[in-house]
Amino acid sequence: MERLNLPFIAQRRNECKLTLQEMAEALGFRNASTYLKYEKGEYDFKANHLPVLAKKLRCNMLDLFIRLVC
């Protein structure tokens, strides 16, 4: 089982010097605050967001996930 690695997403965004607003616009959101709710886990990223996240964060899509051991 896997889940999104939200701390990694936030860290990569900071490493890439991307603003919340830049991420929001890339995902089609109007406001940085909306994107932040996704990054904080208040909303769930959708499947169509993942390729955009990987491209903007310059990582592999698999890097966005944490593998959970059951």
PDB file of N, CA and C in Angstrom:
ATOM      1  N   MET A   1       0.845  -1.174   0.000  1.00  0.00           N
ATOM      2  CA  MET A   1       0.000   0.000   0.000  1.00  0.00           C
ATOM      3  C   MET A   1       0.896   1.245   0.000  1.00  0.00           C
ATOM      4  N   GLU A   2       0.440   2.271  -0.675  1.00  0.00           N
ATOM      5  CA  GLU A   2       1.210   3.507  -0.775  1.00  0.00           C
ATOM      6  C   GLU A   2       0.303   4.700  -0.490  1.00  0.00           C
ATOM      7  N   ARG A   3       0.940   5.773  -0.026  1.00  0.00           N
ATOM      8  CA  ARG A   3       0.220   7.035   0.137  1.00  0.00           C
ATOM      9  C   ARG A   3       1.159   8.166  -0.269  1.00  0.00           C
ATOM     10  N   LEU A   4       0.585   9.312  -0.528  1.00  0.00           N
ATOM     11  CA  LEU A   4       1.402  10.447  -0.950  1.00  0.00           C
ATOM     12  C   LEU A   4       2.315  10.900   0.181  1.00  0.00           C
ATOM     13  N   ASN A   5       3.517  11.272  -0.189  1.00  0.00           N
ATOM     14  CA  ASN A   5       4.513  11.768   0.757  1.00  0.00           C
ATOM     15  C   ASN A   5       4.428  13.297   0.769  1.00  0.00           C
ATOM     16  N   LEU A   6       3.485  13.821   1.530  1.00  0.00           N
ATOM     17  CA  LEU A   6       3.242  15.265   1.552  1.00  0.00           C
ATOM     18  C   LEU A   6       4.445  16.061   2.048  1.00  0.00           C
ATOM     19  N   PRO A   7       5.183  15.587   3.068  1.00  0.00           N
ATOM     20  CA  PRO A   7       6.385  16.341   3.463  1.00  0.00           C
ATOM     21  C   PRO A   7       7.418  16.430   2.330  1.00  0.00           C
ATOM     22  N   PHE A   8       7.553  15.370   1.537  1.00  0.00           N
ATOM     23  CA  PHE A   8       8.466  15.401   0.394  1.00  0.00           C
ATOM     24  C   PHE A   8       8.015  16.444  -0.621  1.00  0.00           C
ATOM     25  N   ILE A   9       6.716  16.496  -0.897  1.00  0.00           N
ATOM     26  CA  ILE A   9       6.178  17.449  -1.867  1.00  0.00           C
ATOM     27  C   ILE A   9       6.474  18.875  -1.421  1.00  0.00           C
ATOM     28  N   ALA A  10       6.235  19.167  -0.152  1.00  0.00           N
ATOM     29  CA  ALA A  10       6.515  20.512   0.376  1.00  0.00           C
ATOM     30  C   ALA A  10       8.010  20.820   0.323  1.00  0.00           C
ATOM     31  N   GLN A  11       8.827  19.845   0.697  1.00  0.00           N
ATOM     32  CA  GLN A  11      10.281  20.041   0.692  1.00  0.00           C
ATOM     33  C   GLN A  11      10.803  20.292  -0.720  1.00  0.00           C
ATOM     34  N   ARG A  12      10.337  19.487  -1.687  1.00  0.00           N
ATOM     35  CA  ARG A  12      10.792  19.670  -3.074  1.00  0.00           C
ATOM     36  C   ARG A  12      10.346  21.015  -3.622  1.00  0.00           C
ATOM     37  N   ARG A  13       9.137  21.438  -3.274  1.00  0.00           N
ATOM     38  CA  ARG A  13       8.657  22.738  -3.739  1.00  0.00           C
ATOM     39  C   ARG A  13       9.587  23.837  -3.237  1.00  0.00           C
ATOM     40  N   ASN A  14       9.986  23.740  -1.990  1.00  0.00           N
ATOM     41  CA  ASN A  14      10.908  24.730  -1.426  1.00  0.00           C
ATOM     42  C   ASN A  14      12.287  24.633  -2.070  1.00  0.00           C
ATOM     43  N   GLU A  15      12.785  23.416  -2.278  1.00  0.00           N
ATOM     44  CA  GLU A  15      14.091  23.225  -2.920  1.00  0.00           C
ATOM     45  C   GLU A  15      14.102  23.788  -4.341  1.00  0.00           C
ATOM     46  N   CYS A  16      12.982  23.651  -5.025  1.00  0.00           N
ATOM     47  CA  CYS A  16      12.867  24.147  -6.405  1.00  0.00           C
ATOM     48  C   CYS A  16      12.497  25.631  -6.448  1.00  0.00           C
ATOM     49  N   LYS A  17      12.349  26.234  -5.262  1.00  0.00           N
ATOM     50  CA  LYS A  17      12.018  27.651  -5.145  1.00  0.00           C
ATOM     51  C   LYS A  17      10.718  28.012  -5.869  1.00  0.00           C
ATOM     52  N   LEU A  18       9.736  27.130  -5.723  1.00  0.00           N
ATOM     53  CA  LEU A  18       8.420  27.355  -6.317  1.00  0.00           C
ATOM     54  C   LEU A  18       7.484  27.899  -5.241  1.00  0.00           C
ATOM     55  N   THR A  19       6.721  28.896  -5.597  1.00  0.00           N
ATOM     56  CA  THR A  19       5.766  29.463  -4.653  1.00  0.00           C
ATOM     57  C   THR A  19       4.481  28.628  -4.632  1.00  0.00           C
ATOM     58  N   LEU A  20       3.709  28.833  -3.584  1.00  0.00           N
ATOM     59  CA  LEU A  20       2.403  28.181  -3.517  1.00  0.00           C
ATOM     60  C   LEU A  20       1.538  28.599  -4.698  1.00  0.00           C
ATOM     61  N   GLN A  21       1.633  29.870  -5.082  1.00  0.00           N
ATOM     62  CA  GLN A  21       0.829  30.365  -6.199  1.00  0.00           C
ATOM     63  C   GLN A  21       1.249  29.714  -7.517  1.00  0.00           C
ATOM     64  N   GLU A  22       2.540  29.516  -7.719  1.00  0.00           N
ATOM     65  CA  GLU A  22       3.003  28.843  -8.944  1.00  0.00           C
ATOM     66  C   GLU A  22       2.464  27.421  -9.014  1.00  0.00           C
ATOM     67  N   MET A  23       2.478  26.736  -7.884  1.00  0.00           N
ATOM     68  CA  MET A  23       1.947  25.370  -7.854  1.00  0.00           C
ATOM     69  C   MET A  23       0.442  25.389  -8.089  1.00  0.00           C
ATOM     70  N   ALA A  24      -0.236  26.330  -7.463  1.00  0.00           N
ATOM     71  CA  ALA A  24      -1.686  26.443  -7.640  1.00  0.00           C
ATOM     72  C   ALA A  24      -2.035  26.626  -9.107  1.00  0.00           C
ATOM     73  N   GLU A  25      -1.353  27.536  -9.769  1.00  0.00           N
ATOM     74  CA  GLU A  25      -1.638  27.810 -11.180  1.00  0.00           C
ATOM     75  C   GLU A  25      -1.337  26.597 -12.054  1.00  0.00           C
ATOM     76  N   ALA A  26      -0.260  25.878 -11.754  1.00  0.00           N
ATOM     77  CA  ALA A  26       0.091  24.689 -12.544  1.00  0.00           C
ATOM     78  C   ALA A  26      -0.992  23.619 -12.447  1.00  0.00           C
ATOM     79  N   LEU A  27      -1.658  23.562 -11.300  1.00  0.00           N
ATOM     80  CA  LEU A  27      -2.698  22.553 -11.093  1.00  0.00           C
ATOM     81  C   LEU A  27      -4.090  23.075 -11.428  1.00  0.00           C
ATOM     82  N   GLY A  28      -4.177  24.326 -11.863  1.00  0.00           N
ATOM     83  CA  GLY A  28      -5.458  24.891 -12.269  1.00  0.00           C
ATOM     84  C   GLY A  28      -6.275  25.481 -11.141  1.00  0.00           C
ATOM     85  N   PHE A  29      -5.635  25.766  -9.994  1.00  0.00           N
ATOM     86  CA  PHE A  29      -6.323  26.401  -8.874  1.00  0.00           C
ATOM     87  C   PHE A  29      -6.136  27.905  -8.979  1.00  0.00           C
ATOM     88  N   ARG A  30      -7.068  28.646  -8.438  1.00  0.00           N
ATOM     89  CA  ARG A  30      -6.959  30.107  -8.466  1.00  0.00           C
ATOM     90  C   ARG A  30      -6.053  30.644  -7.371  1.00  0.00           C
ATOM     91  N   ASN A  31      -6.115  30.010  -6.210  1.00  0.00           N
ATOM     92  CA  ASN A  31      -5.454  30.572  -5.036  1.00  0.00           C
ATOM     93  C   ASN A  31      -4.368  29.670  -4.477  1.00  0.00           C
ATOM     94  N   ALA A  32      -3.334  30.294  -3.948  1.00  0.00           N
ATOM     95  CA  ALA A  32      -2.275  29.569  -3.252  1.00  0.00           C
ATOM     96  C   ALA A  32      -2.846  28.831  -2.046  1.00  0.00           C
ATOM     97  N   SER A  33      -3.827  29.433  -1.397  1.00  0.00           N
ATOM     98  CA  SER A  33      -4.407  28.812  -0.201  1.00  0.00           C
ATOM     99  C   SER A  33      -5.087  27.483  -0.536  1.00  0.00           C
ATOM    100  N   THR A  34      -5.650  27.383  -1.729  1.00  0.00           N
ATOM    101  CA  THR A  34      -6.260  26.121  -2.146  1.00  0.00           C
ATOM    102  C   THR A  34      -5.185  25.062  -2.303  1.00  0.00           C
ATOM    103  N   TYR A  35      -4.095  25.411  -2.991  1.00  0.00           N
ATOM    104  CA  TYR A  35      -3.005  24.451  -3.154  1.00  0.00           C
ATOM    105  C   TYR A  35      -2.466  24.015  -1.797  1.00  0.00           C
ATOM    106  N   LEU A  36      -2.304  24.951  -0.875  1.00  0.00           N
ATOM    107  CA  LEU A  36      -1.753  24.638   0.442  1.00  0.00           C
ATOM    108  C   LEU A  36      -2.611  23.596   1.167  1.00  0.00           C
ATOM    109  N   LYS A  37      -3.909  23.652   0.978  1.00  0.00           N
ATOM    110  CA  LYS A  37      -4.794  22.663   1.600  1.00  0.00           C
ATOM    111  C   LYS A  37      -4.502  21.262   1.074  1.00  0.00           C
ATOM    112  N   TYR A  38      -4.141  21.156  -0.197  1.00  0.00           N
ATOM    113  CA  TYR A  38      -3.740  19.862  -0.751  1.00  0.00           C
ATOM    114  C   TYR A  38      -2.393  19.434  -0.168  1.00  0.00           C
ATOM    115  N   GLU A  39      -1.451  20.349  -0.118  1.00  0.00           N
ATOM    116  CA  GLU A  39      -0.114  20.031   0.377  1.00  0.00           C
ATOM    117  C   GLU A  39      -0.138  19.649   1.864  1.00  0.00           C
ATOM    118  N   LYS A  40      -1.067  20.215   2.613  1.00  0.00           N
ATOM    119  CA  LYS A  40      -1.198  19.909   4.039  1.00  0.00           C
ATOM    120  C   LYS A  40      -2.057  18.669   4.293  1.00  0.00           C
ATOM    121  N   GLY A  41      -2.696  18.132   3.250  1.00  0.00           N
ATOM    122  CA  GLY A  41      -3.497  16.927   3.402  1.00  0.00           C
ATOM    123  C   GLY A  41      -4.954  17.170   3.747  1.00  0.00           C
ATOM    124  N   GLU A  42      -5.385  18.430   3.730  1.00  0.00           N
ATOM    125  CA  GLU A  42      -6.796  18.725   3.998  1.00  0.00           C
ATOM    126  C   GLU A  42      -7.673  18.277   2.833  1.00  0.00           C
ATOM    127  N   TYR A  43      -7.143  18.374   1.613  1.00  0.00           N
ATOM    128  CA  TYR A  43      -7.784  17.851   0.404  1.00  0.00           C
ATOM    129  C   TYR A  43      -6.849  16.800  -0.165  1.00  0.00           C
ATOM    130  N   ASP A  44      -7.397  15.864  -0.936  1.00  0.00           N
ATOM    131  CA  ASP A  44      -6.588  14.826  -1.568  1.00  0.00           C
ATOM    132  C   ASP A  44      -6.245  15.223  -3.001  1.00  0.00           C
ATOM    133  N   PHE A  45      -4.947  15.111  -3.346  1.00  0.00           N
ATOM    134  CA  PHE A  45      -4.553  15.293  -4.734  1.00  0.00           C
ATOM    135  C   PHE A  45      -5.262  14.242  -5.578  1.00  0.00           C
ATOM    136  N   LYS A  46      -5.669  14.621  -6.769  1.00  0.00           N
ATOM    137  CA  LYS A  46      -6.320  13.706  -7.703  1.00  0.00           C
ATOM    138  C   LYS A  46      -5.264  13.078  -8.616  1.00  0.00           C
ATOM    139  N   ALA A  47      -5.621  11.993  -9.259  1.00  0.00           N
ATOM    140  CA  ALA A  47      -4.684  11.277 -10.128  1.00  0.00           C
ATOM    141  C   ALA A  47      -4.121  12.186 -11.219  1.00  0.00           C
ATOM    142  N   ASN A  48      -4.941  13.076 -11.765  1.00  0.00           N
ATOM    143  CA  ASN A  48      -4.461  13.954 -12.838  1.00  0.00           C
ATOM    144  C   ASN A  48      -3.511  15.034 -12.324  1.00  0.00           C
ATOM    145  N   HIS A  49      -3.436  15.238 -11.016  1.00  0.00           N
ATOM    146  CA  HIS A  49      -2.485  16.196 -10.447  1.00  0.00           C
ATOM    147  C   HIS A  49      -1.068  15.628 -10.395  1.00  0.00           C
ATOM    148  N   LEU A  50      -0.944  14.312 -10.295  1.00  0.00           N
ATOM    149  CA  LEU A  50       0.358  13.694 -10.039  1.00  0.00           C
ATOM    150  C   LEU A  50       1.405  13.945 -11.126  1.00  0.00           C
ATOM    151  N   PRO A  51       1.074  13.804 -12.410  1.00  0.00           N
ATOM    152  CA  PRO A  51       2.087  14.109 -13.427  1.00  0.00           C
ATOM    153  C   PRO A  51       2.516  15.571 -13.400  1.00  0.00           C
ATOM    154  N   VAL A  52       1.595  16.460 -13.097  1.00  0.00           N
ATOM    155  CA  VAL A  52       1.916  17.890 -13.015  1.00  0.00           C
ATOM    156  C   VAL A  52       2.846  18.146 -11.837  1.00  0.00           C
ATOM    157  N   LEU A  53       2.534  17.535 -10.697  1.00  0.00           N
ATOM    158  CA  LEU A  53       3.397  17.677  -9.524  1.00  0.00           C
ATOM    159  C   LEU A  53       4.809  17.183  -9.828  1.00  0.00           C
ATOM    160  N   ALA A  54       4.907  16.000 -10.405  1.00  0.00           N
ATOM    161  CA  ALA A  54       6.225  15.427 -10.707  1.00  0.00           C
ATOM    162  C   ALA A  54       7.012  16.329 -11.657  1.00  0.00           C
ATOM    163  N   LYS A  55       6.353  16.863 -12.650  1.00  0.00           N
ATOM    164  CA  LYS A  55       7.044  17.738 -13.603  1.00  0.00           C
ATOM    165  C   LYS A  55       7.509  19.022 -12.923  1.00  0.00           C
ATOM    166  N   LYS A  56       6.626  19.663 -12.178  1.00  0.00           N
ATOM    167  CA  LYS A  56       6.983  20.918 -11.513  1.00  0.00           C
ATOM    168  C   LYS A  56       8.072  20.709 -10.459  1.00  0.00           C
ATOM    169  N   LEU A  57       8.025  19.570  -9.763  1.00  0.00           N
ATOM    170  CA  LEU A  57       8.981  19.298  -8.695  1.00  0.00           C
ATOM    171  C   LEU A  57      10.241  18.594  -9.206  1.00  0.00           C
ATOM    172  N   ARG A  58      10.280  18.350 -10.519  1.00  0.00           N
ATOM    173  CA  ARG A  58      11.437  17.708 -11.160  1.00  0.00           C
ATOM    174  C   ARG A  58      11.825  16.410 -10.443  1.00  0.00           C
ATOM    175  N   CYS A  59      10.828  15.524 -10.356  1.00  0.00           N
ATOM    176  CA  CYS A  59      11.054  14.224  -9.733  1.00  0.00           C
ATOM    177  C   CYS A  59      10.245  13.172 -10.484  1.00  0.00           C
ATOM    178  N   ASN A  60      10.466  11.939 -10.124  1.00  0.00           N
ATOM    179  CA  ASN A  60       9.715  10.825 -10.674  1.00  0.00           C
ATOM    180  C   ASN A  60       8.381  10.742  -9.938  1.00  0.00           C
ATOM    181  N   MET A  61       7.345  10.293 -10.607  1.00  0.00           N
ATOM    182  CA  MET A  61       6.045  10.181  -9.935  1.00  0.00           C
ATOM    183  C   MET A  61       6.120   9.247  -8.734  1.00  0.00           C
ATOM    184  N   LEU A  62       6.929   8.222  -8.792  1.00  0.00           N
ATOM    185  CA  LEU A  62       7.055   7.308  -7.655  1.00  0.00           C
ATOM    186  C   LEU A  62       7.655   7.989  -6.435  1.00  0.00           C
ATOM    187  N   ASP A  63       8.439   9.056  -6.652  1.00  0.00           N
ATOM    188  CA  ASP A  63       9.016   9.791  -5.532  1.00  0.00           C
ATOM    189  C   ASP A  63       7.940  10.470  -4.685  1.00  0.00           C
ATOM    190  N   LEU A  64       6.777  10.657  -5.234  1.00  0.00           N
ATOM    191  CA  LEU A  64       5.691  11.339  -4.534  1.00  0.00           C
ATOM    192  C   LEU A  64       5.014  10.458  -3.490  1.00  0.00           C
ATOM    193  N   PHE A  65       5.381   9.173  -3.462  1.00  0.00           N
ATOM    194  CA  PHE A  65       4.699   8.211  -2.598  1.00  0.00           C
ATOM    195  C   PHE A  65       5.602   7.651  -1.517  1.00  0.00           C
ATOM    196  N   ILE A  66       4.974   7.258  -0.423  1.00  0.00           N
ATOM    197  CA  ILE A  66       5.610   6.498   0.658  1.00  0.00           C
ATOM    198  C   ILE A  66       5.038   5.095   0.585  1.00  0.00           C
ATOM    199  N   ARG A  67       5.908   4.115   0.582  1.00  0.00           N
ATOM    200  CA  ARG A  67       5.434   2.721   0.593  1.00  0.00           C
ATOM    201  C   ARG A  67       5.206   2.308   2.039  1.00  0.00           C
ATOM    202  N   LEU A  68       3.984   1.882   2.330  1.00  0.00           N
ATOM    203  CA  LEU A  68       3.630   1.456   3.677  1.00  0.00           C
ATOM    204  C   LEU A  68       3.742  -0.060   3.773  1.00  0.00           C
ATOM    205  N   VAL A  69       4.341  -0.535   4.825  1.00  0.00           N
ATOM    206  CA  VAL A  69       4.483  -1.970   5.049  1.00  0.00           C
ATOM    207  C   VAL A  69       3.368  -2.399   5.985  1.00  0.00           C
ATOM    208  N   CYS A  70       2.602  -3.389   5.568  1.00  0.00           N
ATOM    209  CA  CYS A  70       1.477  -3.860   6.392  1.00  0.00           C
ATOM    210  C   CYS A  70       1.890  -5.023   7.264  1.00  0.00           C
TER     211      CYS A  70
END
